[in-house]
């Protein structure tokens, strides 16, 4: 009698830079379907013809009910605005993160599916050494909305794993898919002969996690039981002005690019990232996130140039 191997079926909701990296890393071992508005579908189809693509909004009424029975795992990666997006358009992102998310979760009730929520370290107070046991006390609207999502999953008894992620950077396999973070923008400006503009006074602190480390952790958790919370972070902060200077100096020394840095508003203060300890995920996976920031930036510059040629 022939053995039949079952490939777990994964639904990725939101095909940005993280979603497409999950798809490209996981598709050998899982059956992958991505649901998104379709902005990057043409690029993804060329490189990953094996994955299934659905052009739609995951929040569309009744849609998740139709889909959930066919999947073992859902990664929820919908654009939630980030700290700045929620500051600039609170109404829009309240609707996405609370109203639409609540309706989606209620429709998942009764389905045997493992829901991975990529939440944020911003659910913590702005203090040091926050562990998964630290009481969440978000100080930004973004953090409050992400914590609300966590609570919505828990109240509705959804089988879930919550990942409190810091700021992710790195290109991965697709340079042109959803890479809109500050670091990616700084590198693009270097090679476009544009100045680097910092929003705020440049002094706010950020915990930068390399994308490859995030994907490693996700793949190691994919077969684990639900019900856990993990900090996915470095646990160290850098001033954004220092990050900009590293990238500018590297552009000058390696590529003869003289890029000016402009601070847009010295009186505008952006919130610092909380410091979240990654000790639990390191113990679980025996993998420490990369601390060699300069090496990663240099590699990103090389990848960007290779892609542009």
C-alpha atoms as a PDB file:
ATOM      1  CA  UNK A   1       0.000   0.000   0.000  1.00  0.00           C
ATOM      2  CA  UNK A   2       1.457   3.358  -1.049  1.00  0.00           C
ATOM      3  CA  UNK A   3       2.147   5.926   1.638  1.00  0.00           C
ATOM      4  CA  UNK A   4       0.246   9.197   1.279  1.00  0.00           C
ATOM      5  CA  UNK A   5       2.003  12.303   2.557  1.00  0.00           C
ATOM      6  CA  UNK A   6      -0.154  15.234   3.599  1.00  0.00           C
ATOM      7  CA  UNK A   7       1.215  18.706   2.986  1.00  0.00           C
ATOM      8  CA  UNK A   8      -0.074  21.218   5.490  1.00  0.00           C
ATOM      9  CA  UNK A   9      -2.001  23.994   3.800  1.00  0.00           C
ATOM     10  CA  UNK A  10      -1.071  27.563   4.655  1.00  0.00           C
ATOM     11  CA  UNK A  11      -3.069  30.713   3.904  1.00  0.00           C
ATOM     12  CA  UNK A  12      -1.039  33.933   3.891  1.00  0.00           C
ATOM     13  CA  UNK A  13      -3.254  36.994   4.310  1.00  0.00           C
ATOM     14  CA  UNK A  14      -1.267  39.958   3.025  1.00  0.00           C
ATOM     15  CA  UNK A  15       1.407  39.582   0.370  1.00  0.00           C
ATOM     16  CA  UNK A  16       3.919  42.230   1.370  1.00  0.00           C
ATOM     17  CA  UNK A  17       7.629  41.731   1.997  1.00  0.00           C
ATOM     18  CA  UNK A  18       7.126  39.276   4.878  1.00  0.00           C
ATOM     19  CA  UNK A  19       4.262  37.395   3.243  1.00  0.00           C
ATOM     20  CA  UNK A  20       6.160  36.807   0.029  1.00  0.00           C
ATOM     21  CA  UNK A  21       9.227  35.676   1.966  1.00  0.00           C
ATOM     22  CA  UNK A  22       7.166  33.127   3.881  1.00  0.00           C
ATOM     23  CA  UNK A  23       5.763  31.874   0.575  1.00  0.00           C
ATOM     24  CA  UNK A  24       9.173  31.579  -1.088  1.00  0.00           C
ATOM     25  CA  UNK A  25      10.706  29.843   1.939  1.00  0.00           C
ATOM     26  CA  UNK A  26       7.835  27.491   2.793  1.00  0.00           C
ATOM     27  CA  UNK A  27       6.460  26.365  -0.577  1.00  0.00           C
ATOM     28  CA  UNK A  28       8.726  23.292  -0.844  1.00  0.00           C
ATOM     29  CA  UNK A  29       7.221  21.827   2.339  1.00  0.00           C
ATOM     30  CA  UNK A  30       3.683  23.228   2.397  1.00  0.00           C
ATOM     31  CA  UNK A  31       0.834  24.012   0.057  1.00  0.00           C
ATOM     32  CA  UNK A  32       0.744  27.814  -0.041  1.00  0.00           C
ATOM     33  CA  UNK A  33      -2.127  30.151  -0.909  1.00  0.00           C
ATOM     34  CA  UNK A  34      -1.837  33.935  -0.682  1.00  0.00           C
ATOM     35  CA  UNK A  35      -4.749  36.348  -0.499  1.00  0.00           C
ATOM     36  CA  UNK A  36      -4.132  40.006  -1.235  1.00  0.00           C
ATOM     37  CA  UNK A  37      -5.330  42.942  -3.323  1.00  0.00           C
ATOM     38  CA  UNK A  38      -2.885  41.752  -5.984  1.00  0.00           C
ATOM     39  CA  UNK A  39      -0.396  44.578  -6.339  1.00  0.00           C
ATOM     40  CA  UNK A  40       2.578  42.206  -6.562  1.00  0.00           C
ATOM     41  CA  UNK A  41       0.895  39.167  -8.117  1.00  0.00           C
ATOM     42  CA  UNK A  42       2.676  39.497 -11.478  1.00  0.00           C
ATOM     43  CA  UNK A  43       6.117  39.545  -9.823  1.00  0.00           C
ATOM     44  CA  UNK A  44       5.247  36.648  -7.532  1.00  0.00           C
ATOM     45  CA  UNK A  45       3.780  34.512 -10.342  1.00  0.00           C
ATOM     46  CA  UNK A  46       7.038  34.746 -12.278  1.00  0.00           C
ATOM     47  CA  UNK A  47       9.204  33.533  -9.402  1.00  0.00           C
ATOM     48  CA  UNK A  48       6.755  31.293  -7.544  1.00  0.00           C
ATOM     49  CA  UNK A  49       4.360  29.669 -10.032  1.00  0.00           C
ATOM     50  CA  UNK A  50       3.745  26.873  -7.509  1.00  0.00           C
ATOM     51  CA  UNK A  51       1.739  28.992  -5.074  1.00  0.00           C
ATOM     52  CA  UNK A  52      -1.956  29.834  -5.343  1.00  0.00           C
ATOM     53  CA  UNK A  53      -3.030  33.465  -5.480  1.00  0.00           C
ATOM     54  CA  UNK A  54      -6.437  34.886  -4.570  1.00  0.00           C
ATOM     55  CA  UNK A  55      -7.138  38.507  -5.420  1.00  0.00           C
ATOM     56  CA  UNK A  56      -9.467  39.723  -2.700  1.00  0.00           C
ATOM     57  CA  UNK A  57      -9.702  41.354   0.729  1.00  0.00           C
ATOM     58  CA  UNK A  58      -9.390  38.820   3.547  1.00  0.00           C
ATOM     59  CA  UNK A  59     -11.905  40.922   5.522  1.00  0.00           C
ATOM     60  CA  UNK A  60     -14.634  40.550   2.888  1.00  0.00           C
ATOM     61  CA  UNK A  61     -17.751  39.332   4.674  1.00  0.00           C
ATOM     62  CA  UNK A  62     -18.112  35.568   4.561  1.00  0.00           C
ATOM     63  CA  UNK A  63     -14.846  34.949   2.717  1.00  0.00           C
ATOM     64  CA  UNK A  64     -12.826  33.498   5.591  1.00  0.00           C
ATOM     65  CA  UNK A  65     -15.721  31.133   6.364  1.00  0.00           C
ATOM     66  CA  UNK A  66     -15.452  29.727   2.856  1.00  0.00           C
ATOM     67  CA  UNK A  67     -11.658  29.455   3.005  1.00  0.00           C
ATOM     68  CA  UNK A  68     -10.888  28.369   6.578  1.00  0.00           C
ATOM     69  CA  UNK A  69     -12.040  24.751   6.195  1.00  0.00           C
ATOM     70  CA  UNK A  70      -9.344  24.199   3.548  1.00  0.00           C
ATOM     71  CA  UNK A  71      -6.361  25.375   5.615  1.00  0.00           C
ATOM     72  CA  UNK A  72      -4.344  24.248   8.610  1.00  0.00           C
ATOM     73  CA  UNK A  73      -2.548  27.548   9.243  1.00  0.00           C
ATOM     74  CA  UNK A  74      -3.292  31.230   8.628  1.00  0.00           C
ATOM     75  CA  UNK A  75      -0.646  33.955   8.754  1.00  0.00           C
ATOM     76  CA  UNK A  76      -2.283  37.331   9.273  1.00  0.00           C
ATOM     77  CA  UNK A  77       0.046  39.898   7.693  1.00  0.00           C
ATOM     78  CA  UNK A  78      -2.377  42.629   6.657  1.00  0.00           C
ATOM     79  CA  UNK A  79      -0.935  46.162   6.598  1.00  0.00           C
ATOM     80  CA  UNK A  80      -1.737  47.499  10.045  1.00  0.00           C
ATOM     81  CA  UNK A  81      -0.222  50.929   9.540  1.00  0.00           C
ATOM     82  CA  UNK A  82       2.684  50.839  11.959  1.00  0.00           C
ATOM     83  CA  UNK A  83       3.296  53.565  14.505  1.00  0.00           C
ATOM     84  CA  UNK A  84       3.455  56.389  11.959  1.00  0.00           C
ATOM     85  CA  UNK A  85       0.531  55.191   9.842  1.00  0.00           C
ATOM     86  CA  UNK A  86      -1.723  55.004  12.885  1.00  0.00           C
ATOM     87  CA  UNK A  87      -0.617  58.490  13.945  1.00  0.00           C
ATOM     88  CA  UNK A  88      -1.377  59.929  10.502  1.00  0.00           C
ATOM     89  CA  UNK A  89      -4.646  58.115   9.786  1.00  0.00           C
ATOM     90  CA  UNK A  90      -6.095  56.734  13.027  1.00  0.00           C
ATOM     91  CA  UNK A  91      -9.623  56.252  11.653  1.00  0.00           C
ATOM     92  CA  UNK A  92      -8.492  54.073   8.756  1.00  0.00           C
ATOM     93  CA  UNK A  93      -6.302  51.825  10.846  1.00  0.00           C
ATOM     94  CA  UNK A  94      -8.798  51.558  13.702  1.00  0.00           C
ATOM     95  CA  UNK A  95     -11.273  50.162  11.198  1.00  0.00           C
ATOM     96  CA  UNK A  96      -8.747  47.647   9.820  1.00  0.00           C
ATOM     97  CA  UNK A  97      -7.213  46.603  13.126  1.00  0.00           C
ATOM     98  CA  UNK A  98     -10.370  46.483  15.210  1.00  0.00           C
ATOM     99  CA  UNK A  99     -13.675  46.492  13.313  1.00  0.00           C
ATOM    100  CA  UNK A 100     -12.645  44.362  10.335  1.00  0.00           C
ATOM    101  CA  UNK A 101     -10.372  42.135  12.402  1.00  0.00           C
ATOM    102  CA  UNK A 102     -13.138  41.432  14.929  1.00  0.00           C
ATOM    103  CA  UNK A 103     -15.541  40.391  12.178  1.00  0.00           C
ATOM    104  CA  UNK A 104     -12.912  38.131  10.611  1.00  0.00           C
ATOM    105  CA  UNK A 105     -12.111  36.409  13.915  1.00  0.00           C
ATOM    106  CA  UNK A 106     -15.782  35.815  14.709  1.00  0.00           C
ATOM    107  CA  UNK A 107     -16.152  34.051  11.347  1.00  0.00           C
ATOM    108  CA  UNK A 108     -13.249  31.758  12.277  1.00  0.00           C
ATOM    109  CA  UNK A 109     -15.081  30.424  15.318  1.00  0.00           C
ATOM    110  CA  UNK A 110     -15.468  26.657  15.103  1.00  0.00           C
ATOM    111  CA  UNK A 111     -12.707  26.064  12.555  1.00  0.00           C
ATOM    112  CA  UNK A 112      -9.688  23.931  13.415  1.00  0.00           C
ATOM    113  CA  UNK A 113      -7.071  26.322  12.081  1.00  0.00           C
ATOM    114  CA  UNK A 114      -3.881  27.653  13.697  1.00  0.00           C
ATOM    115  CA  UNK A 115      -3.843  31.468  13.454  1.00  0.00           C
ATOM    116  CA  UNK A 116      -0.467  33.245  13.559  1.00  0.00           C
ATOM    117  CA  UNK A 117      -0.770  36.925  14.446  1.00  0.00           C
ATOM    118  CA  UNK A 118       2.278  39.092  13.825  1.00  0.00           C
ATOM    119  CA  UNK A 119       1.669  41.600  16.571  1.00  0.00           C
ATOM    120  CA  UNK A 120       4.222  44.137  17.813  1.00  0.00           C
ATOM    121  CA  UNK A 121       6.614  44.899  20.662  1.00  0.00           C
ATOM    122  CA  UNK A 122       4.726  48.202  20.893  1.00  0.00           C
ATOM    123  CA  UNK A 123       2.133  46.445  23.073  1.00  0.00           C
ATOM    124  CA  UNK A 124       4.672  46.874  25.896  1.00  0.00           C
ATOM    125  CA  UNK A 125       5.347  50.013  27.897  1.00  0.00           C
ATOM    126  CA  UNK A 126       8.384  52.026  26.913  1.00  0.00           C
ATOM    127  CA  UNK A 127      10.665  50.331  29.410  1.00  0.00           C
ATOM    128  CA  UNK A 128      13.549  47.906  29.331  1.00  0.00           C
ATOM    129  CA  UNK A 129      13.689  44.122  29.404  1.00  0.00           C
ATOM    130  CA  UNK A 130      10.064  43.353  28.642  1.00  0.00           C
ATOM    131  CA  UNK A 131       9.412  39.613  28.572  1.00  0.00           C
ATOM    132  CA  UNK A 132       6.283  37.809  27.449  1.00  0.00           C
ATOM    133  CA  UNK A 133       5.211  37.947  31.122  1.00  0.00           C
ATOM    134  CA  UNK A 134       5.421  41.755  31.247  1.00  0.00           C
ATOM    135  CA  UNK A 135       1.974  43.330  31.484  1.00  0.00           C
ATOM    136  CA  UNK A 136       1.187  45.031  28.164  1.00  0.00           C
ATOM    137  CA  UNK A 137       0.709  48.777  28.566  1.00  0.00           C
ATOM    138  CA  UNK A 138       0.971  50.296  25.094  1.00  0.00           C
ATOM    139  CA  UNK A 139       1.794  53.982  24.859  1.00  0.00           C
ATOM    140  CA  UNK A 140       0.928  54.443  21.165  1.00  0.00           C
ATOM    141  CA  UNK A 141      -2.292  54.000  19.218  1.00  0.00           C
ATOM    142  CA  UNK A 142      -0.565  51.357  17.116  1.00  0.00           C
ATOM    143  CA  UNK A 143       0.389  49.375  20.211  1.00  0.00           C
ATOM    144  CA  UNK A 144      -3.145  49.662  21.600  1.00  0.00           C
ATOM    145  CA  UNK A 145      -4.647  48.365  18.345  1.00  0.00           C
ATOM    146  CA  UNK A 146      -2.242  45.420  18.187  1.00  0.00           C
ATOM    147  CA  UNK A 147      -2.947  44.494  21.805  1.00  0.00           C
ATOM    148  CA  UNK A 148      -6.648  44.710  21.040  1.00  0.00           C
ATOM    149  CA  UNK A 149      -6.158  42.177  18.232  1.00  0.00           C
ATOM    150  CA  UNK A 150      -4.413  39.793  20.615  1.00  0.00           C
ATOM    151  CA  UNK A 151      -7.305  40.086  23.048  1.00  0.00           C
ATOM    152  CA  UNK A 152      -9.897  39.560  20.308  1.00  0.00           C
ATOM    153  CA  UNK A 153      -8.254  36.239  19.418  1.00  0.00           C
ATOM    154  CA  UNK A 154      -8.157  35.160  23.044  1.00  0.00           C
ATOM    155  CA  UNK A 155     -11.759  36.154  23.837  1.00  0.00           C
ATOM    156  CA  UNK A 156     -12.991  34.197  20.812  1.00  0.00           C
ATOM    157  CA  UNK A 157     -10.937  31.104  21.754  1.00  0.00           C
ATOM    158  CA  UNK A 158      -9.087  31.023  18.439  1.00  0.00           C
ATOM    159  CA  UNK A 159      -6.154  28.588  18.292  1.00  0.00           C
ATOM    160  CA  UNK A 160      -3.399  31.146  17.907  1.00  0.00           C
ATOM    161  CA  UNK A 161       0.270  31.955  18.278  1.00  0.00           C
ATOM    162  CA  UNK A 162       1.076  35.600  18.930  1.00  0.00           C
ATOM    163  CA  UNK A 163       4.397  36.982  17.765  1.00  0.00           C
ATOM    164  CA  UNK A 164       5.373  40.383  19.129  1.00  0.00           C
ATOM    165  CA  UNK A 165       7.734  41.537  16.420  1.00  0.00           C
ATOM    166  CA  UNK A 166      10.101  44.520  16.402  1.00  0.00           C
ATOM    167  CA  UNK A 167      11.041  46.517  13.269  1.00  0.00           C
ATOM    168  CA  UNK A 168      11.914  44.130  10.449  1.00  0.00           C
ATOM    169  CA  UNK A 169      14.431  45.060   7.753  1.00  0.00           C
ATOM    170  CA  UNK A 170      16.042  43.259   4.833  1.00  0.00           C
ATOM    171  CA  UNK A 171      15.093  42.450   1.238  1.00  0.00           C
ATOM    172  CA  UNK A 172      14.872  38.686   1.217  1.00  0.00           C
ATOM    173  CA  UNK A 173      14.034  37.198  -2.176  1.00  0.00           C
ATOM    174  CA  UNK A 174      12.021  40.113  -3.580  1.00  0.00           C
ATOM    175  CA  UNK A 175      13.616  43.555  -3.554  1.00  0.00           C
ATOM    176  CA  UNK A 176      10.595  45.243  -5.101  1.00  0.00           C
ATOM    177  CA  UNK A 177       7.836  43.692  -2.993  1.00  0.00           C
ATOM    178  CA  UNK A 178       6.629  45.752  -0.064  1.00  0.00           C
ATOM    179  CA  UNK A 179      10.001  46.962   1.217  1.00  0.00           C
ATOM    180  CA  UNK A 180       8.911  50.346   2.524  1.00  0.00           C
ATOM    181  CA  UNK A 181      10.800  50.557   5.812  1.00  0.00           C
ATOM    182  CA  UNK A 182      13.171  53.378   6.669  1.00  0.00           C
ATOM    183  CA  UNK A 183      16.316  51.367   5.935  1.00  0.00           C
ATOM    184  CA  UNK A 184      15.065  50.230   2.539  1.00  0.00           C
ATOM    185  CA  UNK A 185      14.094  53.821   1.712  1.00  0.00           C
ATOM    186  CA  UNK A 186      17.497  55.146   2.809  1.00  0.00           C
ATOM    187  CA  UNK A 187      19.292  52.670   0.531  1.00  0.00           C
ATOM    188  CA  UNK A 188      17.033  53.508  -2.386  1.00  0.00           C
ATOM    189  CA  UNK A 189      17.751  57.206  -1.873  1.00  0.00           C
ATOM    190  CA  UNK A 190      21.512  56.569  -1.807  1.00  0.00           C
ATOM    191  CA  UNK A 191      21.437  55.006  -5.265  1.00  0.00           C
ATOM    192  CA  UNK A 192      18.845  57.451  -6.619  1.00  0.00           C
ATOM    193  CA  UNK A 193      21.052  60.395  -5.651  1.00  0.00           C
ATOM    194  CA  UNK A 194      18.431  61.736  -3.270  1.00  0.00           C
ATOM    195  CA  UNK A 195      18.932  63.009   0.242  1.00  0.00           C
ATOM    196  CA  UNK A 196      17.880  60.947   3.252  1.00  0.00           C
ATOM    197  CA  UNK A 197      15.040  62.683   5.075  1.00  0.00           C
ATOM    198  CA  UNK A 198      14.365  61.756   8.691  1.00  0.00           C
ATOM    199  CA  UNK A 199      10.874  62.270  10.051  1.00  0.00           C
ATOM    200  CA  UNK A 200      10.912  63.807  13.495  1.00  0.00           C
ATOM    201  CA  UNK A 201      14.145  64.853  15.176  1.00  0.00           C
ATOM    202  CA  UNK A 202      16.052  61.663  14.373  1.00  0.00           C
ATOM    203  CA  UNK A 203      16.584  60.678  17.999  1.00  0.00           C
ATOM    204  CA  UNK A 204      13.932  58.006  18.384  1.00  0.00           C
ATOM    205  CA  UNK A 205      15.163  54.494  19.102  1.00  0.00           C
ATOM    206  CA  UNK A 206      14.400  51.419  17.000  1.00  0.00           C
ATOM    207  CA  UNK A 207      14.941  47.664  17.493  1.00  0.00           C
ATOM    208  CA  UNK A 208      15.907  46.338  14.048  1.00  0.00           C
ATOM    209  CA  UNK A 209      15.398  42.626  13.376  1.00  0.00           C
ATOM    210  CA  UNK A 210      16.783  41.093  10.190  1.00  0.00           C
ATOM    211  CA  UNK A 211      14.084  39.525   8.023  1.00  0.00           C
ATOM    212  CA  UNK A 212      15.919  36.199   7.679  1.00  0.00           C
ATOM    213  CA  UNK A 213      15.773  35.758  11.452  1.00  0.00           C
ATOM    214  CA  UNK A 214      12.020  36.358  11.503  1.00  0.00           C
ATOM    215  CA  UNK A 215      11.486  33.787   8.738  1.00  0.00           C
ATOM    216  CA  UNK A 216      13.677  31.271  10.585  1.00  0.00           C
ATOM    217  CA  UNK A 217      11.549  31.634  13.719  1.00  0.00           C
ATOM    218  CA  UNK A 218       8.298  31.369  11.762  1.00  0.00           C
ATOM    219  CA  UNK A 219       9.396  28.166  10.088  1.00  0.00           C
ATOM    220  CA  UNK A 220      10.487  26.649  13.389  1.00  0.00           C
ATOM    221  CA  UNK A 221       7.136  27.440  15.004  1.00  0.00           C
ATOM    222  CA  UNK A 222       4.918  26.258  12.155  1.00  0.00           C
ATOM    223  CA  UNK A 223       4.404  22.773  13.609  1.00  0.00           C
ATOM    224  CA  UNK A 224       4.242  23.829  17.257  1.00  0.00           C
ATOM    225  CA  UNK A 225       1.026  23.813  19.295  1.00  0.00           C
ATOM    226  CA  UNK A 226      -0.892  27.110  19.545  1.00  0.00           C
ATOM    227  CA  UNK A 227      -1.345  29.127  22.698  1.00  0.00           C
ATOM    228  CA  UNK A 228       2.079  30.743  23.044  1.00  0.00           C
ATOM    229  CA  UNK A 229       3.319  34.332  22.856  1.00  0.00           C
ATOM    230  CA  UNK A 230       6.852  35.088  21.667  1.00  0.00           C
ATOM    231  CA  UNK A 231       8.910  38.264  21.392  1.00  0.00           C
ATOM    232  CA  UNK A 232      10.631  38.261  18.000  1.00  0.00           C
ATOM    233  CA  UNK A 233      13.240  40.971  18.407  1.00  0.00           C
ATOM    234  CA  UNK A 234      16.874  41.818  19.024  1.00  0.00           C
ATOM    235  CA  UNK A 235      16.380  43.522  22.369  1.00  0.00           C
ATOM    236  CA  UNK A 236      18.784  46.352  21.503  1.00  0.00           C
ATOM    237  CA  UNK A 237      17.929  49.841  20.270  1.00  0.00           C
ATOM    238  CA  UNK A 238      19.574  52.163  17.753  1.00  0.00           C
ATOM    239  CA  UNK A 239      18.958  55.849  17.103  1.00  0.00           C
ATOM    240  CA  UNK A 240      17.468  56.327  13.649  1.00  0.00           C
ATOM    241  CA  UNK A 241      19.923  59.197  12.978  1.00  0.00           C
ATOM    242  CA  UNK A 242      22.813  56.785  13.636  1.00  0.00           C
ATOM    243  CA  UNK A 243      21.288  54.235  11.257  1.00  0.00           C
ATOM    244  CA  UNK A 244      21.016  56.905   8.562  1.00  0.00           C
ATOM    245  CA  UNK A 245      24.650  57.914   9.116  1.00  0.00           C
ATOM    246  CA  UNK A 246      25.845  54.295   8.832  1.00  0.00           C
ATOM    247  CA  UNK A 247      24.049  53.915   5.513  1.00  0.00           C
ATOM    248  CA  UNK A 248      25.190  57.308   4.215  1.00  0.00           C
ATOM    249  CA  UNK A 249      28.827  56.633   5.152  1.00  0.00           C
ATOM    250  CA  UNK A 250      28.705  53.181   3.593  1.00  0.00           C
ATOM    251  CA  UNK A 251      27.325  54.676   0.399  1.00  0.00           C
ATOM    252  CA  UNK A 252      30.163  57.182   0.369  1.00  0.00           C
ATOM    253  CA  UNK A 253      32.977  54.761   1.200  1.00  0.00           C
ATOM    254  CA  UNK A 254      31.865  51.856  -0.986  1.00  0.00           C
ATOM    255  CA  UNK A 255      30.018  53.519  -3.862  1.00  0.00           C
ATOM    256  CA  UNK A 256      31.239  57.140  -3.899  1.00  0.00           C
ATOM    257  CA  UNK A 257      27.758  58.429  -3.142  1.00  0.00           C
ATOM    258  CA  UNK A 258      27.612  61.705  -1.234  1.00  0.00           C
ATOM    259  CA  UNK A 259      24.192  61.646   0.390  1.00  0.00           C
ATOM    260  CA  UNK A 260      23.008  64.387   2.695  1.00  0.00           C
ATOM    261  CA  UNK A 261      20.827  63.698   5.717  1.00  0.00           C
ATOM    262  CA  UNK A 262      18.025  66.131   6.466  1.00  0.00           C
ATOM    263  CA  UNK A 263      15.997  66.248   9.677  1.00  0.00           C
ATOM    264  CA  UNK A 264      12.480  67.300   8.731  1.00  0.00           C
ATOM    265  CA  UNK A 265      11.216  68.562  12.080  1.00  0.00           C
ATOM    266  CA  UNK A 266      13.466  68.834  15.109  1.00  0.00           C
ATOM    267  CA  UNK A 267      10.458  69.546  17.338  1.00  0.00           C
ATOM    268  CA  UNK A 268       8.545  66.426  16.299  1.00  0.00           C
ATOM    269  CA  UNK A 269       9.164  63.452  18.584  1.00  0.00           C
ATOM    270  CA  UNK A 270       8.477  59.884  17.528  1.00  0.00           C
ATOM    271  CA  UNK A 271       8.011  57.135  20.139  1.00  0.00           C
ATOM    272  CA  UNK A 272      10.897  54.857  21.000  1.00  0.00           C
ATOM    273  CA  UNK A 273      10.552  51.132  20.496  1.00  0.00           C
ATOM    274  CA  UNK A 274      10.098  49.176  23.722  1.00  0.00           C
ATOM    275  CA  UNK A 275      12.916  46.742  24.516  1.00  0.00           C
ATOM    276  CA  UNK A 276      11.541  43.217  24.293  1.00  0.00           C
ATOM    277  CA  UNK A 277      13.696  40.282  25.327  1.00  0.00           C
ATOM    278  CA  UNK A 278      13.971  37.482  22.720  1.00  0.00           C
ATOM    279  CA  UNK A 279      15.169  34.959  25.345  1.00  0.00           C
ATOM    280  CA  UNK A 280      12.092  32.719  25.048  1.00  0.00           C
ATOM    281  CA  UNK A 281      12.268  32.293  21.253  1.00  0.00           C
ATOM    282  CA  UNK A 282      16.051  31.776  21.416  1.00  0.00           C
ATOM    283  CA  UNK A 283      15.577  29.016  23.975  1.00  0.00           C
ATOM    284  CA  UNK A 284      12.813  27.454  21.872  1.00  0.00           C
ATOM    285  CA  UNK A 285      14.708  27.425  18.569  1.00  0.00           C
ATOM    286  CA  UNK A 286      18.366  27.523  19.674  1.00  0.00           C
ATOM    287  CA  UNK A 287      18.863  30.431  17.286  1.00  0.00           C
ATOM    288  CA  UNK A 288      20.063  33.910  18.212  1.00  0.00           C
ATOM    289  CA  UNK A 289      19.106  36.803  15.920  1.00  0.00           C
ATOM    290  CA  UNK A 290      21.928  38.412  13.977  1.00  0.00           C
ATOM    291  CA  UNK A 291      23.619  41.382  15.623  1.00  0.00           C
ATOM    292  CA  UNK A 292      25.940  42.217  12.717  1.00  0.00           C
ATOM    293  CA  UNK A 293      23.964  45.230  11.556  1.00  0.00           C
ATOM    294  CA  UNK A 294      26.627  46.817   9.330  1.00  0.00           C
ATOM    295  CA  UNK A 295      27.223  43.558   7.475  1.00  0.00           C
ATOM    296  CA  UNK A 296      23.503  43.235   6.756  1.00  0.00           C
ATOM    297  CA  UNK A 297      23.324  46.810   5.444  1.00  0.00           C
ATOM    298  CA  UNK A 298      26.312  46.208   3.166  1.00  0.00           C
ATOM    299  CA  UNK A 299      24.688  43.046   1.852  1.00  0.00           C
ATOM    300  CA  UNK A 300      21.419  44.890   1.219  1.00  0.00           C
ATOM    301  CA  UNK A 301      23.227  47.530  -0.810  1.00  0.00           C
ATOM    302  CA  UNK A 302      24.840  44.841  -2.925  1.00  0.00           C
ATOM    303  CA  UNK A 303      21.498  43.094  -3.461  1.00  0.00           C
ATOM    304  CA  UNK A 304      19.802  46.370  -4.383  1.00  0.00           C
ATOM    305  CA  UNK A 305      22.416  47.193  -7.013  1.00  0.00           C
ATOM    306  CA  UNK A 306      22.342  43.690  -8.464  1.00  0.00           C
ATOM    307  CA  UNK A 307      18.577  43.877  -8.782  1.00  0.00           C
ATOM    308  CA  UNK A 308      18.638  47.315 -10.421  1.00  0.00           C
ATOM    309  CA  UNK A 309      21.157  46.375 -13.114  1.00  0.00           C
END
